[in-house]
Structure formats: C-alpha cells, structure tokens
Protein backbone atom coordinates (compact mmCIF):
# COMPACT_ATOMS: atom_id res chain seq x y z
CA MET A 1 6.94 13.71 -24.95
CA SER A 2 4.65 13.38 -21.23
CA PRO A 3 3.20 9.38 -21.43
CA LEU A 4 -0.30 8.89 -21.68
CA PHE A 5 -2.11 8.20 -18.44
CA PHE A 6 -4.85 6.48 -18.27
CA ALA A 7 -7.18 5.57 -14.62
CA LEU A 8 -9.15 3.09 -14.65
CA ASP A 9 -12.90 2.18 -12.85
CA THR A 10 -12.88 3.13 -9.19
CA SER A 11 -9.23 4.32 -9.47
CA HIS A 12 -10.75 7.44 -11.46
CA GLU A 13 -10.27 9.77 -8.89
CA TYR A 14 -7.31 8.83 -6.77
CA GLY A 15 -5.47 8.75 -10.71
CA GLU A 16 -6.37 12.05 -10.85
CA ARG A 17 -4.21 12.96 -8.24
CA ILE A 18 -1.79 11.39 -9.31
CA ALA A 19 -1.87 12.96 -13.11
CA ARG A 20 -2.54 16.50 -11.46
CA ALA A 21 1.00 15.81 -9.63
CA LEU A 22 2.42 15.27 -12.91
CA GLU A 23 0.78 18.22 -14.69
CA ILE A 24 -0.86 15.71 -17.20
CA ALA A 25 -4.41 15.05 -17.95
CA PRO A 26 -5.97 11.55 -17.67
CA ALA A 27 -6.08 10.19 -21.67
CA ASP A 28 -9.89 9.35 -22.50
CA HIS A 29 -10.75 5.94 -22.91
CA GLU A 30 -14.52 3.95 -22.96
CA GLU A 31 -14.90 1.25 -19.91
CA ARG A 32 -18.27 -0.87 -20.76
CA ALA A 33 -20.23 -3.98 -18.95
CA PHE A 34 -21.93 -5.62 -19.87
CA GLU A 35 -25.58 -7.52 -18.48
CA ASP A 36 -23.69 -11.14 -18.10
CA GLY A 37 -21.08 -9.61 -15.27
CA GLU A 38 -18.31 -9.45 -18.60
CA HIS A 39 -16.42 -6.19 -19.33
CA LYS A 40 -14.44 -4.64 -21.82
CA ALA A 41 -12.45 -1.29 -21.74
CA ARG A 42 -10.44 0.41 -24.34
CA PRO A 43 -8.31 3.58 -25.18
CA LEU A 44 -10.06 6.72 -27.68
CA ILE A 45 -7.02 8.11 -28.69
CA ASP A 46 -4.36 6.84 -30.88
CA VAL A 47 -1.40 5.15 -28.63
CA TRP A 48 0.57 3.75 -31.18
CA ARG A 49 4.23 4.12 -30.18
CA GLN A 50 3.24 5.96 -27.30
CA GLU A 51 4.58 5.19 -23.42
CA ALA A 52 1.15 4.42 -21.26
CA LEU A 53 0.87 4.15 -17.56
CA VAL A 54 -2.60 2.30 -16.53
CA PHE A 55 -3.34 3.25 -12.70
CA HIS A 56 -5.52 0.98 -10.88
CA THR A 57 -5.61 -0.11 -7.03
CA LEU A 58 -5.76 -3.47 -6.81
CA HIS A 59 -8.22 -3.81 -3.62
CA GLY A 60 -11.21 -5.08 -3.26
CA GLU A 61 -14.25 -3.32 -2.84
CA PRO A 62 -18.27 -2.94 -2.49
CA GLY A 63 -19.08 -4.02 -6.42
CA ARG A 64 -15.68 -4.57 -7.47
CA SER A 65 -13.75 -7.50 -6.11
CA ALA A 66 -9.91 -7.84 -6.45
CA ASN A 67 -10.15 -10.48 -8.90
CA ASP A 68 -12.46 -7.92 -10.75
CA LYS A 69 -9.81 -5.15 -10.99
CA LEU A 70 -6.74 -7.54 -11.95
CA CYS A 71 -8.48 -8.66 -15.15
CA ARG A 72 -9.65 -5.25 -15.82
CA LEU A 73 -6.24 -3.49 -15.50
CA LEU A 74 -4.60 -6.74 -17.70
CA PHE A 75 -7.00 -6.56 -20.08
CA PHE A 76 -6.84 -2.60 -20.98
CA ALA A 77 -2.98 -3.37 -20.79
CA ALA A 78 -3.11 -6.01 -23.27
CA ALA A 79 -5.23 -4.04 -25.44
CA LEU A 80 -2.93 -1.10 -25.98
CA LYS A 81 0.04 -2.97 -26.70
CA ASP A 82 -2.84 -4.75 -29.41
CA ALA A 83 -3.12 -0.88 -30.50
CA GLY A 84 0.78 -0.21 -30.81
CA ALA A 85 1.77 1.14 -27.75
CA ASP A 86 5.78 1.01 -27.73
CA ARG A 87 5.38 0.53 -23.84
CA VAL A 88 2.60 -0.16 -21.14
CA THR A 89 3.83 0.50 -16.99
CA ALA A 90 1.35 -0.75 -14.50
CA ILE A 91 1.02 1.28 -11.64
CA VAL A 92 -0.96 -0.54 -8.50
CA PRO A 93 -0.45 1.57 -5.72
CA TYR A 94 -1.98 -1.92 -3.82
CA LEU A 95 -0.85 -5.15 -5.27
CA CYS A 96 -3.49 -7.78 -4.51
CA TYR A 97 -2.23 -11.06 -4.00
CA ALA A 98 1.60 -9.46 -2.59
CA ARG A 99 0.46 -11.74 1.25
CA LYS A 100 0.41 -14.58 -0.52
CA ASP A 101 4.21 -14.94 -1.15
CA ARG A 102 5.08 -18.63 0.20
CA ARG A 103 3.81 -21.75 0.54
CA THR A 104 2.84 -22.15 4.81
CA LYS A 105 1.28 -25.26 3.80
CA SER A 106 1.43 -28.47 1.87
CA ARG A 107 0.16 -27.97 -1.38
CA ASP A 108 -0.11 -24.42 -0.92
CA PRO A 109 -0.34 -21.90 -3.59
CA ILE A 110 2.15 -18.97 -4.05
CA THR A 111 -0.47 -16.51 -5.62
CA SER A 112 2.09 -13.85 -5.91
CA LYS A 113 4.15 -15.53 -8.30
CA TYR A 114 1.08 -16.65 -10.63
CA VAL A 115 -0.01 -13.00 -10.61
CA ALA A 116 2.93 -11.97 -11.70
CA ARG A 117 3.01 -14.57 -14.68
CA MET A 118 -0.19 -12.51 -15.66
CA PHE A 119 1.02 -9.44 -15.90
CA GLU A 120 3.80 -11.14 -18.33
CA ALA A 121 0.82 -12.47 -20.41
CA ALA A 122 -0.41 -9.04 -20.41
CA ASP A 123 2.47 -7.94 -22.25
CA VAL A 124 3.45 -5.45 -19.19
CA ASP A 125 6.55 -3.83 -19.24
CA ALA A 126 7.23 -2.46 -16.02
CA VAL A 127 4.69 -2.39 -12.41
CA LEU A 128 5.36 0.62 -9.54
CA THR A 129 3.18 -0.28 -6.52
CA VAL A 130 3.64 1.61 -2.80
CA ASP A 131 5.17 -0.53 -0.09
CA VAL A 132 4.81 -3.82 -0.80
CA HIS A 133 4.14 -6.51 1.57
CA ASN A 134 7.67 -8.55 0.93
CA LEU A 135 9.95 -6.62 -1.51
CA ALA A 136 12.14 -9.94 -1.94
CA ALA A 137 9.55 -12.07 -2.97
CA PHE A 138 7.80 -9.33 -4.95
CA GLU A 139 11.34 -8.77 -6.79
CA ASN A 140 11.86 -12.44 -7.98
CA ALA A 141 8.06 -13.02 -8.89
CA PHE A 142 8.37 -10.53 -11.68
CA ARG A 143 10.49 -11.44 -14.86
CA ARG A 144 10.07 -7.43 -15.86
CA PRO A 145 11.33 -4.44 -14.27
CA VAL A 146 9.49 -3.53 -11.07
CA ILE A 147 9.69 -0.14 -9.19
CA ASN A 148 8.63 -0.38 -4.82
CA VAL A 149 7.67 3.39 -4.02
CA GLU A 150 8.16 3.92 0.46
CA ALA A 151 5.74 5.70 1.98
CA THR A 152 8.35 6.24 4.79
CA THR A 153 9.16 9.93 4.00
CA LEU A 154 4.89 10.61 3.76
CA PHE A 155 4.87 9.40 7.78
CA VAL A 156 8.13 10.98 9.08
CA ARG A 157 6.89 14.37 7.71
CA HIS A 158 3.51 13.67 9.70
CA PHE A 159 4.86 12.46 12.98
CA ALA A 160 7.77 14.79 12.92
CA SER A 161 5.84 17.85 12.70
CA ARG A 162 3.80 16.43 15.81
CA LEU A 163 5.66 14.66 18.18
CA ARG A 164 8.82 16.79 18.00
CA GLY A 165 9.74 17.16 21.83
CA GLU A 166 8.10 13.91 22.74
CA ARG A 167 10.01 10.77 23.80
CA ILE A 168 9.01 8.71 21.14
CA ALA A 169 9.22 4.54 20.80
CA VAL A 170 9.01 2.27 17.54
CA VAL A 171 7.31 -0.68 17.83
CA SER A 172 6.89 -3.28 14.93
CA PRO A 173 3.39 -4.89 15.91
CA ASP A 174 5.18 -8.24 14.83
CA VAL A 175 8.68 -9.45 14.30
CA GLY A 176 8.60 -10.08 10.48
CA GLY A 177 8.00 -6.65 10.28
CA THR A 178 11.13 -5.04 12.33
CA LYS A 179 12.88 -4.04 9.57
CA ARG A 180 10.47 -2.32 7.97
CA ALA A 181 9.54 -0.35 11.42
CA GLU A 182 13.65 0.14 12.00
CA GLN A 183 14.06 2.12 8.74
CA PHE A 184 11.07 4.25 9.59
CA ARG A 185 12.77 4.36 13.17
CA SER A 186 15.86 5.55 11.83
CA ALA A 187 14.51 8.38 9.47
CA LEU A 188 12.24 9.72 12.08
CA GLY A 189 15.33 9.91 14.51
CA ALA A 190 17.08 11.32 11.42
CA ALA A 191 14.00 13.86 11.16
CA LEU A 192 13.64 14.79 15.34
CA GLY A 193 17.38 14.72 15.68
CA VAL A 194 16.42 12.49 18.72
CA GLU A 195 16.61 8.83 18.77
CA PRO A 196 13.24 6.49 19.45
CA THR A 197 14.05 3.43 20.98
CA SER A 198 12.63 0.45 19.69
CA GLY A 199 10.64 -2.72 20.03
CA PHE A 200 8.43 -5.70 18.53
CA VAL A 201 5.40 -8.02 19.61
CA GLU A 202 5.66 -11.81 19.07
CA LYS A 203 2.78 -12.51 16.97
CA ARG A 204 2.26 -16.04 16.08
CA ARG A 205 -0.96 -17.06 13.10
CA SER A 206 -2.51 -20.58 12.94
CA SER A 207 -5.57 -21.06 10.95
CA GLY A 208 -6.71 -17.63 11.09
CA GLU A 209 -5.68 -17.54 14.78
CA VAL A 210 -3.58 -14.91 16.01
CA SER A 211 -1.37 -15.32 19.10
CA GLY A 212 1.33 -14.55 21.32
CA ASP A 213 2.23 -11.82 24.17
CA TYR A 214 6.09 -11.54 23.84
CA PHE A 215 7.01 -8.13 24.21
CA VAL A 216 10.68 -6.95 23.88
CA GLY A 217 11.18 -2.86 23.81
CA ASP A 218 11.44 -0.13 26.06
CA VAL A 219 8.80 1.85 25.97
CA GLU A 220 7.77 3.02 29.70
CA GLY A 221 6.26 6.83 29.47
CA ARG A 222 7.03 7.25 25.43
CA THR A 223 4.57 7.83 23.06
CA VAL A 224 4.82 4.97 21.01
CA ILE A 225 4.31 4.93 17.19
CA LEU A 226 2.83 1.37 15.99
CA PHE A 227 4.60 0.82 12.38
CA ASP A 228 3.14 -1.81 10.06
CA ASP A 229 2.67 -2.27 5.93
CA MET A 230 -1.43 -2.98 6.67
CA ILE A 231 -4.36 -3.34 8.55
CA SER A 232 -6.98 -5.43 8.00
CA THR A 233 -8.87 -6.48 10.98
CA GLY A 234 -7.26 -4.40 13.54
CA THR A 235 -6.35 -7.83 15.96
CA THR A 236 -2.47 -7.42 15.54
CA LEU A 237 -2.50 -3.56 16.18
CA ALA A 238 -5.17 -4.09 18.91
CA ARG A 239 -3.03 -6.12 20.60
CA ALA A 240 0.50 -5.04 20.19
CA ALA A 241 -1.34 -1.88 21.55
CA ALA A 242 -2.14 -3.43 24.75
CA ARG A 243 1.33 -4.75 25.02
CA CYS A 244 2.76 -1.51 24.82
CA ARG A 245 0.40 0.20 27.28
CA ASP A 246 1.05 -3.14 30.06
CA ALA A 247 4.78 -1.87 29.77
CA GLY A 248 3.69 1.71 30.47
CA ALA A 249 3.59 3.66 27.00
CA ALA A 250 2.21 7.05 27.86
CA LYS A 251 0.40 7.18 24.62
CA VAL A 252 0.25 5.16 22.08
CA LEU A 253 -0.19 5.89 17.66
CA ALA A 254 -0.57 3.62 14.46
CA ALA A 255 0.98 4.28 11.28
CA ALA A 256 -0.05 1.92 7.99
CA THR A 257 0.64 2.31 4.21
CA HIS A 258 -2.28 0.21 3.61
CA GLY A 259 -5.70 1.00 5.74
CA ALA A 260 -7.70 -2.24 4.08
CA PHE A 261 -10.14 -2.02 7.03
CA SER A 262 -12.28 -5.45 6.28
CA GLN A 263 -15.49 -4.94 8.45
CA PRO A 264 -14.24 -6.53 12.18
CA ALA A 265 -11.63 -3.64 12.34
CA VAL A 266 -14.77 -1.21 12.79
CA ALA A 267 -15.04 -3.14 16.48
CA THR A 268 -11.81 -3.76 17.23
CA LEU A 269 -10.01 -0.14 16.52
CA SER A 270 -12.98 1.95 18.04
CA ASP A 271 -11.90 -0.04 21.17
CA ALA A 272 -8.19 -0.42 20.81
CA GLY A 273 -7.14 2.73 22.59
CA LEU A 274 -5.00 4.52 19.89
CA GLU A 275 -4.72 7.83 20.09
CA GLU A 276 -4.02 8.26 16.34
CA MET A 277 -4.53 6.27 13.49
CA VAL A 278 -2.39 7.12 10.08
CA VAL A 279 -2.98 5.42 6.85
CA THR A 280 -2.36 6.38 3.05
CA ASP A 281 -4.98 6.35 -0.17
CA THR A 282 -3.35 3.52 -1.27
CA ILE A 283 -6.83 1.88 -0.79
CA ALA A 284 -9.78 4.29 0.16
CA THR A 285 -11.01 4.65 3.62
CA PRO A 286 -14.45 2.61 3.78
CA PRO A 287 -16.93 5.02 5.72
CA ALA A 288 -17.85 3.12 8.68
CA ILE A 289 -14.17 3.75 9.87
CA ARG A 290 -13.90 7.14 8.89
CA GLU A 291 -16.89 7.62 11.16
CA ALA A 292 -15.77 4.83 13.96
CA LEU A 293 -12.21 7.18 14.56
CA GLY A 294 -13.57 10.48 13.08
CA ASP A 295 -10.41 13.08 14.39
CA ARG A 296 -8.14 10.12 15.09
CA LEU A 297 -7.99 9.21 11.46
CA ALA A 298 -5.22 10.55 9.25
CA VAL A 299 -5.00 9.79 5.41
CA LEU A 300 -1.67 10.94 3.48
CA SER A 301 -1.16 11.84 0.22
CA THR A 302 0.79 9.39 -2.17
CA ALA A 303 0.46 11.82 -4.84
CA PRO A 304 3.63 13.72 -4.36
CA ILE A 305 5.63 10.33 -3.98
CA LEU A 306 4.19 8.35 -6.82
CA ALA A 307 4.47 11.33 -9.49
CA GLU A 308 8.20 11.43 -8.35
CA ALA A 309 8.49 8.01 -8.84
CA ILE A 310 6.80 8.02 -12.24
CA ILE A 311 9.19 10.73 -13.23
CA ALA A 312 12.18 9.48 -11.85
CA GLN A 313 11.94 6.36 -14.53
CA LYS A 314 11.58 9.24 -17.34
CA ALA A 315 15.07 10.59 -16.64
CA PRO A 316 18.43 9.36 -17.81
CA ASP A 317 19.52 7.54 -14.38
CA GLY A 318 16.17 6.19 -14.03
CA ASP A 319 16.80 2.73 -16.07
CA ASN A 320 15.53 -0.35 -14.06
C-alpha cells in the first residue's frame, strides 16, 4: 500500500511535483488560520494504521516565517499520530536552523539540536532532507532515523551536458565546504572523463562581517564552478568569484542546492560577474532574483531524487 502524502501550506505546489514523481495523489487535509494568528490542520481521510509522509520546506518567506512553518509541520504530524497513523515521516527539503549546529560564542544556543527535540516531541518517526548543512551534526542531533538526500547528481547532469570539452575547475567558496566541493568535482570528472582541478577561498566570519582573501587552486584559463550548499546574501560567492577572476579564470559559474537569496543578494549577485547560477527548487526563488539574473539563473527540480529516496525507504534493503 502506498503511503499517504500530505503537502502543507505554501509548500503544496512543490509537494505536488513530488507526488507526481511518486505517481500518487496528495491526500486531502484541511488548514485553517484564525484571526489571532493561530492555525490548525487535520487530515480529511482515515489515517488509522497508515504510513504518512508530511511535506513542507522550512525556509522563511513573506507571510510565513521558518518558525511558523515548523509549527505547522509539527502540529500536523502530531495530529496524524493522535488520529492513529502508524508511522509519520517528515520530508523537509530545506531544514530550518540546520546551520546553527555548534557554539561559536559563549552561551550560544545549539538550535539544530533543539529542533531535533521538537520533532521527537511531535512523535515524528523519521526526517528526510536535502543537502543538510552539516551531515554529522544532523545525524547526531536526532535520535530518530534521518535521511539526507544529496543533490550532487542533479548538478553533475546539468554541467556535464554543457561543459564537455572545456577545461574546468571546481572551487569551494570557503574552507568548510571543501569536502562537499570535492565530492562534486570527483563525480563531475567521472561523468566527463576528465579530471577538473580544485581550489578553495579563505573565509572568516565575525559579528556578521566576512573577511579573508587567501586563494588556493589552479583556475587559470579554466571555467570555474563555485560549489556550495546555500546562497543567502551572495557575499561569499561574489568574493570567491573575484578571487577566481584575479587568478585568471576564463569564466565563473556558481551552483548551490538551497537558493535562499535574502534581499541583499539581488544587488550583490547582479554585479558578481557570474555567467550562470544554478540552484534547486528546495526554496522558492524570489521574483526579484529571477528578474535580476534572467537567463543566467537555472533552477533544477529535486522531485526525481526525493521520489527515489522515498521509494528506497520502502524497499526491503532501505531500512534505516
């Protein structure tokens, strides 16, 4: 029997793409908002002893904060369990607060750990996400099964079809992302049959200020792909692009799974000298960014990889 698939609130359209890839229809449910800002949601079908998938991407947007989305998801998951659902899996392509996974100052909160406790309190059985910021911290925070889906294959297919025959370098915009960039570089090299060079850019952050100019890597005369997990203000990418051009790069492209694109990103990325920027649909791309980047922006669908991951969890060898 196929699991019940619920796509919540502003993630409904995104969820429908996943449901189509799974060849199922989203299950009926009701969501109501009240005058005082509170809300409720409930399934409109019998969920007794059923497996349920609850889909919601947890990035803040106008009219819906990350906190609001998180509450909606957890309240609905708990309501499913109260209604007799046997198992509830939360599918959150973008997991809020995942970047706050350690203390950087005295008495700092470890918010990712607290979010994990909230999922447990709602009796969520498993959590599935896409390219979480720190995989080890994600796995250690949760005491329930977690699945991290990697979007690397989407980027490899995209660039391999466009850059064949070119001399390529893959650069991490900061030292912390070198492992992620190296995995992509290796996979892209295997697809192209040619080994791209690698590099990284130094980045230091203190009180919201980014600094550091040190660059390591061979990019002269090459097409550079800056590879990261997230774009927010765009400052990190713009700095890295400038370092690569100074080092002789022929052109600079950028790729990141989560296109958060805060307001400053519009101006920053418009003038960053990036020939192409590639993100996935884990976060809805703001209209201002689409207008500013135009044909330079490509958005890849995560529906295929999410559907594959969901199906894999149902297979006999997909037990976590």
